[in-house]
Amino acid sequence: WLKGMRIEPRALGEAGLSPAGREQPRAAARRPRRCRHGLVGLHCSRCSACAHGKARYNCQICAACEHGKAARSCWKCKGCPHGKLKRNCAVCSNCSHGKVKNNCRQCAGCPHGMVKWSCRFCKGCAHGKVRRNCVQCCGCPHGKLRQGCRICNGCQHGVRKDYCRLCRGCPHGKMRRDCVHCSGCPHGGVWRTCLRCKEARSARGK
C-alpha cells in the first residue's frame, strides 16, 4: 500500500535518516565561543554584564534563587551532603586522581604546567596577571578588586561576605570553612588548615 507514496526528505531527516536510508552521523560537540576579551562569553563580566555591574550568571539579583543568593553559589541549592558546593567537593566532583576536577593538573591542566583557571598565560590579561586578580581589568570604582571590596562585595551587615559570620556562618556559631563539624577532616581538624591533609594534597600533586 506504500507503493506510489512519496516520502519527503525532510521527514527522513526528522527521523534521523538520510534519503539513502542510513542513519546520519551526529554533529561534533561545539566548542564554546570566546568573546573579544578571551573568555567564554557567558563568563565575561564585560560582555554578559548586568545592570548591577556583575556577570549576569553570578548576580544575586539577576540570577537569584529563592534563598536570596546567586543560585550557583547557594549552599541550599547547589550544596552536597558533605557540606560543600558540589563543584568544590572532592567526593561529589572527584577525578580518578583523587582531587576535585577543577583543581587537578592532569584533568584541568594547561601546557604551562598549571591548572588552567589559575594560569597567567592561559587566563592572563594584557597587564601580565591572571585576569581575575588584576585591578585594571576587574577593579571596582573604589580602586580595589571587586571581589575584595567591602562596598561592592559587602553584605547587609557591613562586612565582606567572605568574612561575615551571619552570612557564611554555620549552626555551630563559626565560619563554615573553620568549623570542625562542617568542614572537618579525618584527623580531627579542619581540612583547609590541617598539616596532614596539606601534606597529602601536595603529595598527590607531585
Protein backbone atom coordinates (compact mmCIF):
# COMPACT_ATOMS: atom_id res chain seq x y z
CA TRP A 1 0.00 0.00 0.00
CA LEU A 2 3.06 2.23 0.29
CA LYS A 3 3.65 1.86 -3.42
CA GLY A 4 3.43 5.19 -5.17
CA MET A 5 3.68 7.23 -1.95
CA ARG A 6 6.30 9.93 -1.84
CA ILE A 7 8.25 10.43 1.37
CA GLU A 8 9.70 13.90 1.80
CA PRO A 9 13.43 14.11 2.61
CA ARG A 10 12.50 16.44 5.48
CA ALA A 11 10.54 13.67 7.18
CA LEU A 12 13.53 11.35 6.85
CA GLY A 13 15.77 13.97 8.39
CA GLU A 14 13.47 14.35 11.38
CA ALA A 15 13.58 10.60 11.86
CA GLY A 16 17.39 10.65 11.91
CA LEU A 17 17.75 9.01 8.48
CA SER A 18 19.30 10.21 5.26
CA PRO A 19 17.44 9.78 1.92
CA ALA A 20 19.57 6.67 1.33
CA GLY A 21 18.06 5.10 4.47
CA ARG A 22 21.20 5.28 6.56
CA GLU A 23 21.49 6.88 9.94
CA GLN A 24 23.04 10.33 9.83
CA PRO A 25 26.24 10.86 11.84
CA ARG A 26 25.88 13.10 14.87
CA ALA A 27 27.41 16.53 14.67
CA ALA A 28 30.54 17.05 16.75
CA ALA A 29 30.10 18.95 20.01
CA ARG A 30 30.67 22.65 19.52
CA ARG A 31 33.42 24.40 21.40
CA PRO A 32 32.21 27.36 23.44
CA ARG A 33 32.60 30.69 21.68
CA ARG A 34 35.03 33.11 23.20
CA CYS A 35 34.48 36.83 23.33
CA ARG A 36 36.90 39.55 22.30
CA HIS A 37 38.31 39.57 25.84
CA GLY A 38 39.41 35.92 25.53
CA LEU A 39 36.78 34.46 27.85
CA VAL A 40 33.74 32.29 27.31
CA GLY A 41 31.08 34.89 26.57
CA LEU A 42 28.80 33.75 29.39
CA HIS A 43 31.58 34.18 31.97
CA CYS A 44 32.81 37.58 30.82
CA SER A 45 31.75 40.34 33.20
CA ARG A 46 32.02 42.89 30.39
CA CYS A 47 30.14 41.03 27.64
CA SER A 48 27.43 39.50 29.82
CA ALA A 49 27.32 42.22 32.45
CA CYS A 50 24.03 43.07 34.07
CA ALA A 51 22.76 46.43 35.25
CA HIS A 52 24.38 45.78 38.65
CA GLY A 53 27.93 45.58 37.27
CA LYS A 54 28.42 41.82 37.57
CA ALA A 55 28.39 38.83 35.25
CA ARG A 56 24.70 38.04 34.89
CA TYR A 57 25.07 34.38 35.94
CA ASN A 58 26.75 35.41 39.20
CA CYS A 59 24.50 38.32 40.17
CA GLN A 60 22.47 37.96 43.36
CA ILE A 61 19.66 39.99 41.83
CA CYS A 62 19.51 38.72 38.22
CA ALA A 63 20.34 35.06 38.96
CA ALA A 64 18.96 34.88 42.47
CA CYS A 65 17.48 31.74 43.95
CA GLU A 66 14.63 31.51 46.41
CA HIS A 67 17.13 31.94 49.27
CA GLY A 68 18.27 35.37 48.05
CA LYS A 69 21.69 34.33 46.74
CA ALA A 70 23.21 33.69 43.32
CA ALA A 71 21.93 30.18 42.58
CA ARG A 72 25.34 28.78 41.60
CA SER A 73 26.82 29.80 44.97
CA CYS A 74 23.91 28.85 47.21
CA TRP A 75 24.60 26.04 49.68
CA LYS A 76 20.95 25.06 49.83
CA CYS A 77 20.51 24.88 46.04
CA LYS A 78 23.92 23.58 44.93
CA GLY A 79 25.19 22.02 48.12
CA CYS A 80 26.07 18.37 48.62
CA PRO A 81 25.63 16.03 51.63
CA HIS A 82 29.25 16.75 52.64
CA GLY A 83 28.60 20.41 53.46
CA LYS A 84 30.19 21.93 50.35
CA LEU A 85 29.17 23.15 46.93
CA LYS A 86 29.05 20.12 44.64
CA ARG A 87 31.58 21.58 42.19
CA ASN A 88 34.09 22.05 45.05
CA CYS A 89 33.54 18.71 46.77
CA ALA A 90 36.31 16.12 46.49
CA VAL A 91 33.72 13.35 46.89
CA CYS A 92 30.98 14.53 44.51
CA SER A 93 33.25 16.08 41.85
CA ASN A 94 36.34 13.95 42.30
CA CYS A 95 38.50 12.71 39.47
CA SER A 96 40.47 9.49 39.09
CA HIS A 97 43.49 11.20 40.69
CA GLY A 98 41.68 11.86 43.98
CA LYS A 99 41.16 15.59 43.51
CA VAL A 100 38.40 18.00 42.62
CA LYS A 101 38.37 18.01 38.81
CA ASN A 102 38.77 21.79 38.54
CA ASN A 103 41.90 21.67 40.72
CA CYS A 104 43.60 18.67 39.12
CA ARG A 105 46.58 19.44 36.88
CA GLN A 106 46.09 16.21 34.96
CA CYS A 107 42.37 16.76 34.30
CA ALA A 108 42.25 20.56 34.02
CA GLY A 109 45.90 21.32 33.42
CA CYS A 110 47.35 23.61 30.77
CA PRO A 111 50.52 23.36 28.64
CA HIS A 112 52.36 25.55 31.17
CA GLY A 113 52.06 23.00 33.99
CA MET A 114 49.37 24.89 35.89
CA VAL A 115 45.67 24.45 36.49
CA LYS A 116 44.12 26.26 33.54
CA TRP A 117 41.93 28.67 35.52
CA SER A 118 44.91 29.91 37.59
CA CYS A 119 47.49 30.21 34.80
CA ARG A 120 48.53 33.77 33.97
CA PHE A 121 49.37 32.70 30.41
CA CYS A 122 46.04 30.96 29.66
CA LYS A 123 43.85 33.28 31.75
CA GLY A 124 46.17 36.24 31.75
CA CYS A 125 45.40 39.81 30.81
CA ALA A 126 47.41 42.47 28.98
CA HIS A 127 48.93 43.54 32.32
CA GLY A 128 50.68 40.19 32.96
CA LYS A 129 48.33 38.96 35.69
CA VAL A 130 45.54 36.46 36.00
CA ARG A 131 42.58 38.49 34.84
CA ARG A 132 40.51 38.00 38.00
CA ASN A 133 43.43 39.32 40.11
CA CYS A 134 44.06 42.42 38.01
CA VAL A 135 42.75 45.70 39.43
CA GLN A 136 42.81 47.31 35.99
CA CYS A 137 40.68 44.57 34.39
CA CYS A 138 38.43 43.53 37.28
CA GLY A 139 38.66 46.53 39.54
CA CYS A 140 35.77 48.44 41.01
CA PRO A 141 35.19 52.22 41.18
CA HIS A 142 36.75 52.19 44.67
CA GLY A 143 40.21 51.15 43.40
CA LYS A 144 40.07 47.54 44.60
CA LEU A 145 39.32 44.14 43.15
CA ARG A 146 35.57 43.87 43.02
CA GLN A 147 35.51 40.58 44.95
CA GLY A 148 37.65 42.09 47.73
CA CYS A 149 35.83 45.40 48.06
CA ARG A 150 33.75 45.86 51.19
CA ILE A 151 31.40 48.23 49.37
CA CYS A 152 30.87 46.22 46.16
CA ASN A 153 31.04 42.77 47.74
CA GLY A 154 29.76 43.66 51.17
CA CYS A 155 26.77 42.20 52.89
CA GLN A 156 23.89 43.88 54.65
CA HIS A 157 25.82 43.63 57.93
CA GLY A 158 28.61 45.94 56.69
CA VAL A 159 31.22 43.21 56.33
CA ARG A 160 32.71 41.44 53.34
CA LYS A 161 30.53 38.43 52.61
CA ASP A 162 33.51 36.06 52.84
CA TYR A 163 34.11 37.08 56.46
CA CYS A 164 30.59 37.58 57.75
CA ARG A 165 29.51 35.02 60.33
CA LEU A 166 25.87 35.90 59.82
CA CYS A 167 26.05 35.25 56.05
CA ARG A 168 28.61 32.42 55.95
CA GLY A 169 28.23 31.10 59.44
CA CYS A 170 27.21 27.59 60.37
CA PRO A 171 24.76 26.38 63.04
CA HIS A 172 27.72 25.92 65.43
CA GLY A 173 28.47 29.65 65.64
CA LYS A 174 31.59 29.66 63.45
CA MET A 175 32.50 30.36 59.86
CA ARG A 176 31.61 27.25 57.90
CA ARG A 177 35.13 26.88 56.48
CA ASP A 178 36.63 26.99 60.01
CA CYS A 179 34.16 24.65 61.69
CA VAL A 180 35.32 21.15 62.65
CA HIS A 181 31.79 19.80 62.29
CA CYS A 182 31.03 21.33 58.86
CA SER A 183 34.50 21.27 57.23
CA GLY A 184 36.28 18.72 59.37
CA CYS A 185 38.88 16.23 58.18
CA PRO A 186 39.55 12.62 59.30
CA HIS A 187 42.35 13.84 61.60
CA GLY A 188 40.04 15.84 63.83
CA GLY A 189 40.88 19.25 62.39
CA VAL A 190 39.70 21.45 59.53
CA TRP A 191 40.76 20.11 56.14
CA ARG A 192 41.82 23.58 54.94
CA THR A 193 44.41 24.09 57.70
CA CYS A 194 45.28 20.51 58.70
CA LEU A 195 49.02 19.83 58.13
CA ARG A 196 48.48 16.14 57.42
CA CYS A 197 45.81 16.96 54.85
CA LYS A 198 48.08 19.57 53.25
CA GLU A 199 50.92 17.05 53.01
CA ALA A 200 48.59 14.50 51.42
CA ARG A 201 47.37 17.09 48.90
CA SER A 202 50.90 18.16 47.96
CA ALA A 203 51.96 14.51 47.61
CA ARG A 204 49.08 13.87 45.22
CA GLY A 205 50.06 16.93 43.20
CA LYS A 206 53.61 15.68 42.58
